Amino acid sequence: MTDVSMVSGLDSDGIVVEWTKVKNLGSGSYGQVHLAKLSNLISGDHLLAAVKSCAYSRSASIQKELHILRQFEDSNRIVECSVMW
């Protein structure tokens, strides 16, 4: 997997966002989790978030995780689960 420090894309709401890796929080066999600075390119808003990413060849596991988390999206125990392409 290529280590890219900045990624731009659309979030699940179709909003153009850019995220920059700040710090590696951990990694496992299916991906990495980074502290990231997210920037909304339209409004200029910024926030810090934990971002999980993986190589496309290992994305089946993350897609399964996303499917499970989406079943609980109305729960106050899930902060937010978004997809960025």
Protein backbone atom coordinates (compact mmCIF):
# COMPACT_ATOMS: atom_id res chain seq x y z
CA MET A 1 0.00 0.00 0.00
CA THR A 2 1.35 3.40 -0.93
CA ASP A 3 1.64 5.75 2.02
CA VAL A 4 -0.18 8.94 1.01
CA SER A 5 -0.20 11.81 3.49
CA MET A 6 -3.13 13.71 1.93
CA VAL A 7 -6.28 12.32 0.33
CA SER A 8 -9.13 14.17 -1.38
CA GLY A 9 -12.50 12.73 -2.21
CA LEU A 10 -16.23 12.77 -1.60
CA ASP A 11 -17.71 11.70 1.69
CA SER A 12 -20.90 9.65 1.93
CA ASP A 13 -22.97 12.87 1.73
CA GLY A 14 -21.27 13.95 -1.51
CA ILE A 15 -19.28 16.72 0.19
CA VAL A 16 -15.75 17.33 -1.11
CA VAL A 17 -13.32 16.68 1.73
CA GLU A 18 -9.59 16.39 2.11
CA TRP A 19 -7.82 14.64 4.93
CA THR A 20 -4.21 14.89 5.98
CA LYS A 21 -2.52 12.31 8.17
CA VAL A 22 -1.33 13.81 11.45
CA LYS A 23 -0.22 10.72 13.36
CA ASN A 24 -0.38 6.94 13.00
CA LEU A 25 -2.57 5.62 15.83
CA GLY A 26 -2.16 1.95 14.99
CA SER A 27 -2.19 -0.71 12.34
CA GLY A 28 -3.29 -4.29 11.95
CA SER A 29 -3.46 -6.97 9.33
CA TYR A 30 -6.29 -5.23 7.42
CA GLY A 31 -5.40 -1.56 7.58
CA GLN A 32 -4.19 1.46 9.47
CA VAL A 33 -5.80 4.06 11.72
CA HIS A 34 -4.53 7.62 11.61
CA LEU A 35 -5.33 10.77 13.48
CA ALA A 36 -6.30 12.99 10.57
CA LYS A 37 -7.23 16.59 9.96
CA LEU A 38 -10.35 16.66 7.79
CA SER A 39 -11.06 19.76 5.74
CA ASN A 40 -14.37 20.53 4.07
CA LEU A 41 -13.20 22.15 0.84
CA ILE A 42 -16.46 24.03 0.36
CA SER A 43 -17.05 25.51 3.84
CA GLY A 44 -13.42 25.59 4.97
CA ASP A 45 -14.31 23.81 8.23
CA HIS A 46 -11.69 21.55 9.84
CA LEU A 47 -11.90 18.79 12.42
CA LEU A 48 -9.75 16.00 13.82
CA ALA A 49 -10.87 12.42 13.40
CA ALA A 50 -9.61 8.86 13.48
CA VAL A 51 -9.53 7.56 9.91
CA LYS A 52 -9.24 3.88 9.04
CA SER A 53 -7.83 3.02 5.63
CA CYS A 54 -6.59 -0.02 3.78
CA ALA A 55 -5.36 -1.22 0.42
CA TYR A 56 -8.17 -1.99 -2.03
CA SER A 57 -7.08 -5.64 -2.10
CA ARG A 58 -7.93 -5.84 1.61
CA SER A 59 -11.10 -3.76 1.48
CA ALA A 60 -13.57 -6.65 1.93
CA SER A 61 -12.96 -6.60 5.67
CA ILE A 62 -13.51 -2.84 5.97
CA GLN A 63 -16.63 -3.07 3.78
CA LYS A 64 -18.04 -5.75 6.11
CA GLU A 65 -17.22 -3.52 9.10
CA LEU A 66 -18.98 -0.58 7.41
CA HIS A 67 -22.07 -2.72 6.77
CA ILE A 68 -22.23 -3.68 10.46
CA LEU A 69 -21.66 -0.12 11.71
CA ARG A 70 -24.36 1.26 9.41
CA GLN A 71 -26.89 -0.95 11.21
CA PHE A 72 -26.18 1.13 14.32
CA GLU A 73 -25.97 4.59 12.76
CA ASP A 74 -28.82 5.89 14.95
CA SER A 75 -27.00 4.80 18.11
CA ASN A 76 -25.49 7.49 20.30
CA ARG A 77 -22.52 5.14 20.85
CA ILE A 78 -21.35 5.39 17.21
CA VAL A 79 -19.76 8.79 16.61
CA GLU A 80 -19.84 8.68 12.80
CA CYS A 81 -19.11 6.20 10.08
CA SER A 82 -18.45 7.65 6.62
CA VAL A 83 -17.00 6.43 3.38
CA MET A 84 -14.70 8.53 1.25
CA TRP A 85 -13.92 7.52 -2.31
